[in-house]
């Protein structure tokens, strides 16, 4: 299988995941107080949204790359 086909398969998987999950969450720890032996931290949760249009474009781009890779093979 050619490299272009593998890239296309990877893009199809990433586009499908982007459409299914619509983003991801992560937690960040931030120092609030650091005085001598006293340490205080705060956890802050963030959400990164991935627009469905972007996921759809990545999915379509992956399909196009797989098709182009299959046509170049023959």
Protein backbone atom coordinates (compact mmCIF):
# COMPACT_ATOMS: atom_id res chain seq x y z
CA UNK A 1 0.00 0.00 0.00
CA UNK A 2 1.31 3.45 -0.84
CA UNK A 3 2.03 6.17 1.68
CA UNK A 4 -0.77 8.36 0.32
CA UNK A 5 -3.28 5.61 1.08
CA UNK A 6 -2.00 5.25 4.66
CA UNK A 7 -2.31 9.00 5.18
CA UNK A 8 -5.84 8.84 3.80
CA UNK A 9 -6.78 6.03 6.20
CA UNK A 10 -5.34 8.02 9.11
CA UNK A 11 -7.32 11.11 8.08
CA UNK A 12 -10.52 9.06 7.80
CA UNK A 13 -10.01 7.77 11.35
CA UNK A 14 -9.22 11.25 12.72
CA UNK A 15 -12.21 12.80 10.92
CA UNK A 16 -14.51 10.11 12.26
CA UNK A 17 -13.26 10.67 15.80
CA UNK A 18 -13.64 14.44 15.44
CA UNK A 19 -17.25 14.01 14.30
CA UNK A 20 -18.02 11.51 17.06
CA UNK A 21 -16.53 13.37 20.02
CA UNK A 22 -16.77 17.04 18.88
CA UNK A 23 -13.79 17.99 21.08
CA UNK A 24 -11.82 16.94 24.13
CA UNK A 25 -11.36 17.94 27.77
CA UNK A 26 -8.19 18.37 29.77
CA UNK A 27 -7.33 19.36 33.34
CA UNK A 28 -4.66 21.87 34.22
CA UNK A 29 -3.18 22.39 37.68
CA UNK A 30 -2.21 25.92 38.63
CA UNK A 31 -0.31 27.07 41.72
CA UNK A 32 -2.44 29.43 43.75
CA UNK A 33 -0.30 29.77 46.86
CA UNK A 34 3.32 28.81 47.52
CA UNK A 35 4.51 30.22 50.83
CA UNK A 36 7.14 28.19 52.66
CA UNK A 37 5.75 24.76 53.53
CA UNK A 38 2.23 25.74 52.48
CA UNK A 39 1.30 24.83 48.90
CA UNK A 40 -2.12 25.28 47.31
CA UNK A 41 -3.12 24.34 43.79
CA UNK A 42 -6.31 24.67 41.83
CA UNK A 43 -7.48 22.33 39.09
CA UNK A 44 -9.05 23.96 36.08
CA UNK A 45 -10.91 21.92 33.50
CA UNK A 46 -10.88 23.15 29.93
CA UNK A 47 -12.77 21.99 26.84
CA UNK A 48 -11.38 22.30 23.33
CA UNK A 49 -14.18 22.20 20.77
CA UNK A 50 -13.60 20.77 17.29
CA UNK A 51 -16.14 22.10 14.77
CA UNK A 52 -18.08 19.41 12.90
CA UNK A 53 -17.20 21.11 9.60
CA UNK A 54 -13.51 20.55 10.28
CA UNK A 55 -14.10 16.89 11.11
CA UNK A 56 -16.13 16.47 7.92
CA UNK A 57 -13.44 18.11 5.79
CA UNK A 58 -10.74 15.86 7.26
CA UNK A 59 -12.94 12.81 6.61
CA UNK A 60 -13.61 13.81 2.99
CA UNK A 61 -9.93 14.61 2.46
CA UNK A 62 -9.00 11.15 3.71
CA UNK A 63 -11.48 9.50 1.36
CA UNK A 64 -10.07 11.49 -1.58
CA UNK A 65 -6.51 10.45 -0.68
CA UNK A 66 -7.49 6.77 -0.50
CA UNK A 67 -9.17 7.00 -3.91
CA UNK A 68 -6.18 8.82 -5.44
CA UNK A 69 -3.81 6.26 -3.92
CA UNK A 70 -5.86 3.38 -5.38
CA UNK A 71 -5.95 4.97 -8.85
CA UNK A 72 -2.20 5.59 -8.92
CA UNK A 73 -1.65 1.92 -8.10
CA UNK A 74 -3.31 0.68 -11.28
